[in-house]
């Protein structure tokens, strides 16, 4: 089980098409501080190459969302994957 499973569980219970969480809210869900790399947009975005898979990205996708760091650097926008896109990942 990934250390990011609490985030996946949280996202899978959401019904919103889009939601925003601050880094503090994400850390509270996870129970630990995010790494400094989480400040980079690329840490959150879906992998373009399967060899670059990351546990946080897998957890977000498994929760039915994709993520983008907010331009102001204060949090992350989660957008629900369409049923077709979600199933193609699973």
Protein backbone atom coordinates (compact mmCIF):
# COMPACT_ATOMS: atom_id res chain seq x y z
CA UNK A 1 0.00 0.00 0.00
CA UNK A 2 1.33 3.41 -0.98
CA UNK A 3 1.93 6.13 1.56
CA UNK A 4 -0.33 8.23 -0.71
CA UNK A 5 -3.30 5.86 -0.28
CA UNK A 6 -5.10 8.31 2.08
CA UNK A 7 -5.14 10.88 -0.74
CA UNK A 8 -6.47 8.29 -3.18
CA UNK A 9 -9.15 7.25 -0.69
CA UNK A 10 -10.17 10.86 -0.11
CA UNK A 11 -10.40 11.60 -3.82
CA UNK A 12 -12.37 8.45 -4.56
CA UNK A 13 -15.07 9.60 -2.10
CA UNK A 14 -15.45 13.00 -3.78
CA UNK A 15 -18.26 13.77 -6.21
CA UNK A 16 -17.05 17.15 -7.49
CA UNK A 17 -15.77 17.46 -11.04
CA UNK A 18 -13.04 19.74 -9.75
CA UNK A 19 -11.66 20.57 -6.33
CA UNK A 20 -8.73 22.47 -4.89
CA UNK A 21 -6.70 21.47 -1.88
CA UNK A 22 -3.93 23.48 -0.26
CA UNK A 23 -0.63 21.79 0.46
CA UNK A 24 -1.52 21.96 4.17
CA UNK A 25 -4.80 20.12 3.54
CA UNK A 26 -3.01 17.44 1.52
CA UNK A 27 -0.40 17.01 4.24
CA UNK A 28 -3.15 16.70 6.85
CA UNK A 29 -4.81 13.95 4.79
CA UNK A 30 -1.51 12.11 4.36
CA UNK A 31 -0.22 12.57 7.89
CA UNK A 32 3.22 13.72 6.75
CA UNK A 33 4.92 16.69 5.09
CA UNK A 34 5.15 16.67 1.32
CA UNK A 35 8.66 16.68 -0.13
CA UNK A 36 10.10 19.93 -1.45
CA UNK A 37 9.66 18.53 -4.96
CA UNK A 38 5.88 18.89 -4.49
CA UNK A 39 6.34 22.61 -5.14
CA UNK A 40 7.17 21.79 -8.77
CA UNK A 41 4.27 21.49 -11.18
CA UNK A 42 5.80 18.39 -12.78
CA UNK A 43 5.55 16.48 -9.48
CA UNK A 44 1.75 16.54 -9.74
CA UNK A 45 1.10 16.22 -13.45
CA UNK A 46 0.36 12.87 -15.02
CA UNK A 47 3.38 10.99 -16.25
CA UNK A 48 4.05 11.14 -19.93
CA UNK A 49 6.27 8.09 -19.79
CA UNK A 50 5.33 4.96 -17.78
CA UNK A 51 8.97 4.67 -16.70
CA UNK A 52 8.50 7.94 -14.79
CA UNK A 53 5.58 6.66 -12.70
CA UNK A 54 5.40 8.13 -9.20
CA UNK A 55 3.33 6.90 -6.27
CA UNK A 56 1.59 10.25 -5.75
CA UNK A 57 0.48 10.33 -9.39
CA UNK A 58 -0.77 6.75 -9.19
CA UNK A 59 -2.75 7.55 -6.05
CA UNK A 60 -4.37 10.58 -7.67
CA UNK A 61 -5.26 8.62 -10.79
CA UNK A 62 -6.55 5.69 -8.70
CA UNK A 63 -8.77 8.19 -6.90
CA UNK A 64 -10.27 9.13 -10.28
CA UNK A 65 -8.59 12.51 -10.75
CA UNK A 66 -5.69 14.23 -12.43
CA UNK A 67 -3.79 17.02 -10.71
CA UNK A 68 -2.25 20.35 -11.60
CA UNK A 69 -0.34 22.58 -9.21
CA UNK A 70 -1.94 26.01 -8.89
CA UNK A 71 -0.06 28.84 -10.58
CA UNK A 72 0.21 30.69 -7.26
CA UNK A 73 2.01 27.66 -5.77
CA UNK A 74 -0.35 27.36 -2.81
CA UNK A 75 -2.14 24.16 -3.68
CA UNK A 76 -3.34 21.67 -6.24
CA UNK A 77 -6.38 21.53 -8.53
CA UNK A 78 -7.84 18.06 -8.96
CA UNK A 79 -10.05 17.38 -11.99
CA UNK A 80 -12.13 14.24 -12.26
CA UNK A 81 -11.13 11.91 -15.05
CA UNK A 82 -13.88 10.99 -17.44
CA UNK A 83 -15.09 7.40 -17.09
CA UNK A 84 -13.37 6.43 -20.33
CA UNK A 85 -10.05 8.01 -19.38
CA UNK A 86 -10.17 6.56 -15.88
CA UNK A 87 -10.90 3.04 -17.07
CA UNK A 88 -8.13 3.21 -19.63
CA UNK A 89 -5.63 3.70 -16.79
CA UNK A 90 -6.95 0.82 -14.69
